[in-house]
Structures are given as structure tokens and as C-alpha cells.
C-alpha atoms as a PDB file:
ATOM      1  CA  UNK A   1      15.801   5.959   4.557  1.00  0.00           C
ATOM      2  CA  UNK A   2      14.317   3.881   1.767  1.00  0.00           C
ATOM      3  CA  UNK A   3      12.523   5.651  -1.059  1.00  0.00           C
ATOM      4  CA  UNK A   4       8.772   5.441  -0.917  1.00  0.00           C
ATOM      5  CA  UNK A   5       6.911   2.925  -3.016  1.00  0.00           C
ATOM      6  CA  UNK A   6       6.466   3.991  -6.632  1.00  0.00           C
ATOM      7  CA  UNK A   7       2.906   3.562  -7.783  1.00  0.00           C
ATOM      8  CA  UNK A   8       2.671   2.156 -11.338  1.00  0.00           C
ATOM      9  CA  UNK A   9       0.348   5.011 -12.361  1.00  0.00           C
ATOM     10  CA  UNK A  10       2.796   7.673 -11.126  1.00  0.00           C
ATOM     11  CA  UNK A  11       4.171   9.918 -13.889  1.00  0.00           C
ATOM     12  CA  UNK A  12       7.834  10.730 -14.207  1.00  0.00           C
ATOM     13  CA  UNK A  13       7.108  14.372 -13.305  1.00  0.00           C
ATOM     14  CA  UNK A  14       5.353  13.267 -10.140  1.00  0.00           C
ATOM     15  CA  UNK A  15       8.275  10.991  -9.314  1.00  0.00           C
ATOM     16  CA  UNK A  16      10.769  13.843  -9.860  1.00  0.00           C
ATOM     17  CA  UNK A  17       8.711  16.084  -7.551  1.00  0.00           C
ATOM     18  CA  UNK A  18       8.582  13.322  -4.966  1.00  0.00           C
ATOM     19  CA  UNK A  19      12.368  12.800  -5.133  1.00  0.00           C
ATOM     20  CA  UNK A  20      13.064  16.543  -4.964  1.00  0.00           C
ATOM     21  CA  UNK A  21      10.884  16.809  -1.861  1.00  0.00           C
ATOM     22  CA  UNK A  22      12.706  13.844  -0.311  1.00  0.00           C
ATOM     23  CA  UNK A  23      16.110  15.391  -1.132  1.00  0.00           C
ATOM     24  CA  UNK A  24      15.060  18.703   0.424  1.00  0.00           C
ATOM     25  CA  UNK A  25      13.807  16.944   3.567  1.00  0.00           C
ATOM     26  CA  UNK A  26      17.064  15.004   3.894  1.00  0.00           C
ATOM     27  CA  UNK A  27      19.119  18.163   3.333  1.00  0.00           C
ATOM     28  CA  UNK A  28      17.281  19.965   6.136  1.00  0.00           C
ATOM     29  CA  UNK A  29      17.745  16.943   8.381  1.00  0.00           C
ATOM     30  CA  UNK A  30      21.480  16.860   7.622  1.00  0.00           C
ATOM     31  CA  UNK A  31      21.927  20.594   8.302  1.00  0.00           C
ATOM     32  CA  UNK A  32      20.062  20.256  11.592  1.00  0.00           C
ATOM     33  CA  UNK A  33      22.295  17.347  12.577  1.00  0.00           C
ATOM     34  CA  UNK A  34      25.469  19.258  11.651  1.00  0.00           C
ATOM     35  CA  UNK A  35      24.341  22.293  13.651  1.00  0.00           C
ATOM     36  CA  UNK A  36      23.685  20.098  16.687  1.00  0.00           C
ATOM     37  CA  UNK A  37      27.131  18.510  16.318  1.00  0.00           C
ATOM     38  CA  UNK A  38      28.846  21.930  16.112  1.00  0.00           C
ATOM     39  CA  UNK A  39      26.934  23.161  19.136  1.00  0.00           C
ATOM     40  CA  UNK A  40      27.829  20.039  21.116  1.00  0.00           C
ATOM     41  CA  UNK A  41      31.544  20.323  20.254  1.00  0.00           C
ATOM     42  CA  UNK A  42      31.660  23.991  21.186  1.00  0.00           C
ATOM     43  CA  UNK A  43      29.816  23.417  24.465  1.00  0.00           C
ATOM     44  CA  UNK A  44      31.892  20.362  25.413  1.00  0.00           C
ATOM     45  CA  UNK A  45      35.162  22.135  24.639  1.00  0.00           C
ATOM     46  CA  UNK A  46      34.079  25.169  26.675  1.00  0.00           C
ATOM     47  CA  UNK A  47      33.076  22.995  29.612  1.00  0.00           C
ATOM     48  CA  UNK A  48      36.470  21.267  29.549  1.00  0.00           C
ATOM     49  CA  UNK A  49      38.461  24.474  29.036  1.00  0.00           C
ATOM     50  CA  UNK A  50      37.130  26.072  32.209  1.00  0.00           C
ATOM     51  CA  UNK A  51      38.659  23.544  34.636  1.00  0.00           C
ATOM     52  CA  UNK A  52      41.705  23.252  32.381  1.00  0.00           C
ATOM     53  CA  UNK A  53      42.352  26.969  32.900  1.00  0.00           C
ATOM     54  CA  UNK A  54      42.285  26.307  36.633  1.00  0.00           C
ATOM     55  CA  UNK A  55      44.840  23.538  36.159  1.00  0.00           C
ATOM     56  CA  UNK A  56      47.115  25.898  34.211  1.00  0.00           C
ATOM     57  CA  UNK A  57      47.026  28.368  37.084  1.00  0.00           C
ATOM     58  CA  UNK A  58      47.713  25.718  39.708  1.00  0.00           C
ATOM     59  CA  UNK A  59      50.593  24.272  37.704  1.00  0.00           C
ATOM     60  CA  UNK A  60      52.098  27.755  37.340  1.00  0.00           C
ATOM     61  CA  UNK A  61      51.798  28.330  41.094  1.00  0.00           C
ATOM     62  CA  UNK A  62      53.314  24.929  41.815  1.00  0.00           C
ATOM     63  CA  UNK A  63      56.213  25.696  39.453  1.00  0.00           C
ATOM     64  CA  UNK A  64      57.036  28.796  41.525  1.00  0.00           C
ATOM     65  CA  UNK A  65      57.429  26.789  44.737  1.00  0.00           C
ATOM     66  CA  UNK A  66      60.683  25.291  45.885  1.00  0.00           C
ATOM     67  CA  UNK A  67      61.021  21.848  44.298  1.00  0.00           C
ATOM     68  CA  UNK A  68      63.694  19.260  43.777  1.00  0.00           C
ATOM     69  CA  UNK A  69      64.683  18.105  40.287  1.00  0.00           C
ATOM     70  CA  UNK A  70      62.257  15.161  40.284  1.00  0.00           C
ATOM     71  CA  UNK A  71      59.342  17.355  41.322  1.00  0.00           C
ATOM     72  CA  UNK A  72      60.306  19.936  38.703  1.00  0.00           C
ATOM     73  CA  UNK A  73      60.275  17.224  36.022  1.00  0.00           C
ATOM     74  CA  UNK A  74      56.798  16.161  37.142  1.00  0.00           C
ATOM     75  CA  UNK A  75      55.575  19.760  37.042  1.00  0.00           C
ATOM     76  CA  UNK A  76      57.081  20.200  33.577  1.00  0.00           C
ATOM     77  CA  UNK A  77      55.244  17.094  32.385  1.00  0.00           C
ATOM     78  CA  UNK A  78      51.988  18.359  33.900  1.00  0.00           C
ATOM     79  CA  UNK A  79      52.495  21.626  32.065  1.00  0.00           C
ATOM     80  CA  UNK A  80      53.264  19.859  28.786  1.00  0.00           C
ATOM     81  CA  UNK A  81      50.288  17.517  29.085  1.00  0.00           C
ATOM     82  CA  UNK A  82      47.873  20.320  29.917  1.00  0.00           C
ATOM     83  CA  UNK A  83      49.132  22.357  26.949  1.00  0.00           C
ATOM     84  CA  UNK A  84      48.657  19.363  24.656  1.00  0.00           C
ATOM     85  CA  UNK A  85      45.105  18.911  25.923  1.00  0.00           C
ATOM     86  CA  UNK A  86      44.484  22.607  25.320  1.00  0.00           C
ATOM     87  CA  UNK A  87      45.716  22.242  21.727  1.00  0.00           C
ATOM     88  CA  UNK A  88      43.388  19.272  21.154  1.00  0.00           C
ATOM     89  CA  UNK A  89      40.423  21.249  22.469  1.00  0.00           C
ATOM     90  CA  UNK A  90      41.305  24.191  20.244  1.00  0.00           C
ATOM     91  CA  UNK A  91      41.534  21.828  17.269  1.00  0.00           C
ATOM     92  CA  UNK A  92      38.016  20.573  18.042  1.00  0.00           C
ATOM     93  CA  UNK A  93      36.744  24.127  18.179  1.00  0.00           C
ATOM     94  CA  UNK A  94      38.595  25.009  14.975  1.00  0.00           C
ATOM     95  CA  UNK A  95      37.011  22.021  13.221  1.00  0.00           C
ATOM     96  CA  UNK A  96      33.545  23.139  14.230  1.00  0.00           C
ATOM     97  CA  UNK A  97      34.334  26.734  13.173  1.00  0.00           C
ATOM     98  CA  UNK A  98      35.581  25.523   9.778  1.00  0.00           C
ATOM     99  CA  UNK A  99      32.374  23.573   9.218  1.00  0.00           C
ATOM    100  CA  UNK A 100      30.341  26.634  10.196  1.00  0.00           C
ATOM    101  CA  UNK A 101      32.383  28.875   7.870  1.00  0.00           C
ATOM    102  CA  UNK A 102      33.526  30.991  10.830  1.00  0.00           C
ATOM    103  CA  UNK A 103      37.215  30.037  11.039  1.00  0.00           C
ATOM    104  CA  UNK A 104      39.719  32.885  11.215  1.00  0.00           C
ATOM    105  CA  UNK A 105      43.496  32.819  11.351  1.00  0.00           C
ATOM    106  CA  UNK A 106      45.279  34.853  14.030  1.00  0.00           C
ATOM    107  CA  UNK A 107      48.135  36.111  11.904  1.00  0.00           C
ATOM    108  CA  UNK A 108      50.927  38.129  13.441  1.00  0.00           C
ATOM    109  CA  UNK A 109      54.658  38.698  13.119  1.00  0.00           C
ATOM    110  CA  UNK A 110      56.796  36.297  15.123  1.00  0.00           C
ATOM    111  CA  UNK A 111      60.335  34.955  15.316  1.00  0.00           C
ATOM    112  CA  UNK A 112      60.700  31.340  14.166  1.00  0.00           C
ATOM    113  CA  UNK A 113      63.865  30.940  16.225  1.00  0.00           C
ATOM    114  CA  UNK A 114      61.931  31.697  19.428  1.00  0.00           C
ATOM    115  CA  UNK A 115      59.204  29.247  18.403  1.00  0.00           C
ATOM    116  CA  UNK A 116      61.761  26.462  17.949  1.00  0.00           C
ATOM    117  CA  UNK A 117      63.506  27.288  21.232  1.00  0.00           C
ATOM    118  CA  UNK A 118      60.193  27.244  23.069  1.00  0.00           C
ATOM    119  CA  UNK A 119      59.296  23.849  21.583  1.00  0.00           C
ATOM    120  CA  UNK A 120      62.717  22.496  22.488  1.00  0.00           C
ATOM    121  CA  UNK A 121      62.391  23.708  26.084  1.00  0.00           C
ATOM    122  CA  UNK A 122      58.918  22.169  26.317  1.00  0.00           C
ATOM    123  CA  UNK A 123      60.141  18.707  25.300  1.00  0.00           C
ATOM    124  CA  UNK A 124      63.627  18.782  26.867  1.00  0.00           C
ATOM    125  CA  UNK A 125      62.566  17.359  30.250  1.00  0.00           C
ATOM    126  CA  UNK A 126      60.536  14.610  28.617  1.00  0.00           C
ATOM    127  CA  UNK A 127      63.477  13.704  26.375  1.00  0.00           C
ATOM    128  CA  UNK A 128      65.826  13.564  29.361  1.00  0.00           C
ATOM    129  CA  UNK A 129      63.407  11.291  31.232  1.00  0.00           C
ATOM    130  CA  UNK A 130      63.349   8.954  28.239  1.00  0.00           C
ATOM    131  CA  UNK A 131      67.153   9.027  28.033  1.00  0.00           C
ATOM    132  CA  UNK A 132      67.034  10.681  24.621  1.00  0.00           C
ATOM    133  CA  UNK A 133      69.096  13.600  23.448  1.00  0.00           C
ATOM    134  CA  UNK A 134      67.032  16.440  21.985  1.00  0.00           C
ATOM    135  CA  UNK A 135      68.848  18.892  19.768  1.00  0.00           C
ATOM    136  CA  UNK A 136      67.670  21.527  17.347  1.00  0.00           C
ATOM    137  CA  UNK A 137      69.690  22.936  14.486  1.00  0.00           C
ATOM    138  CA  UNK A 138      68.465  26.078  12.798  1.00  0.00           C
ATOM    139  CA  UNK A 139      69.857  27.326   9.532  1.00  0.00           C
ATOM    140  CA  UNK A 140      71.291  30.829   9.475  1.00  0.00           C
ATOM    141  CA  UNK A 141      69.132  31.408   6.377  1.00  0.00           C
ATOM    142  CA  UNK A 142      65.883  31.286   8.372  1.00  0.00           C
ATOM    143  CA  UNK A 143      64.082  34.627   8.366  1.00  0.00           C
ATOM    144  CA  UNK A 144      64.418  36.510  11.640  1.00  0.00           C
ATOM    145  CA  UNK A 145      60.726  37.374  11.549  1.00  0.00           C
ATOM    146  CA  UNK A 146      57.790  35.845   9.668  1.00  0.00           C
ATOM    147  CA  UNK A 147      54.051  36.444   9.383  1.00  0.00           C
ATOM    148  CA  UNK A 148      51.669  33.608  10.284  1.00  0.00           C
ATOM    149  CA  UNK A 149      49.367  32.059  12.836  1.00  0.00           C
ATOM    150  CA  UNK A 150      51.630  31.473  15.824  1.00  0.00           C
ATOM    151  CA  UNK A 151      48.798  29.985  17.905  1.00  0.00           C
ATOM    152  CA  UNK A 152      48.348  27.091  15.477  1.00  0.00           C
ATOM    153  CA  UNK A 153      52.076  26.584  15.067  1.00  0.00           C
ATOM    154  CA  UNK A 154      52.516  26.255  18.809  1.00  0.00           C
END
């Protein structure tokens, strides 16, 4: 927004008061806009997460049925894709929580080796479909257990 016209008879004190009032108005407008953005992100993510949870359940049920290797690969890709979408939604929510000053880490003890093995298993089928070899090598010096936010590392 353009500053209002400065009248030649206006004193510098009056101009300062006018600018301070304008700054305050713009600050309130910005905070209102940020709050609306946070609310929209949270609502949109929630609305998407609900059917996504249903997809997770259906994929799990489908995985328990008798399938051939091609069907199993498709199910594995569905599972991987839905997990990636879930991570993106959580990132959106985290971003809005950070802006609102409400972000909290979920710290716990976990085993890095298990985290790496889980990631490898998740991407193994996709690698095989692409004709790529996926291998992980973990140093013996890696701590058996660490403290951190496993949710965000996954």
C-alpha cells in the first residue's frame, strides 16, 4: 500500500505518528494473514490425512492377501507412495506449527541400524524395478542406540 499524501503543513512529529499507525495497521494485517494461512494448512492437511489413513488400512489388508510377485511389487509401491505423502503432509503441519511457535520434537531412544534396515526394505522393491542394486553399509562404530526424533528421521 502506498503511503498517504504528506501535507506540506504536516510536522515531523505528526508524520512519525502517521507512519507508526500505518506500521501497526500493516503488522496486524500481516498477523491476521499468517493466522489464516496456518489455519488453512492445518485444516487441509487434516482433511487429506483422513482418507489417507483409510488408504493405509486398505493397503495393509491387500498386502495380507495372496499375491504374485508383480502384485506384491505394486502393493509395496502403493505403501511407499502413501508413506511419502504422509511425510509431506506432516512437513506441512510442522511448518505451520513452527510459525505458530508450537513445534515439539518427539524424542525417544531408537536403534539407527533398524532405521537404516527399514529404509532399505522400503526402497528395495523400487530399486529392483528400476534395475538398480540397493546396498547399505553400516560402520561397526555406529552407536547401538541413540536419542532423537525418529518420526522426522523416517
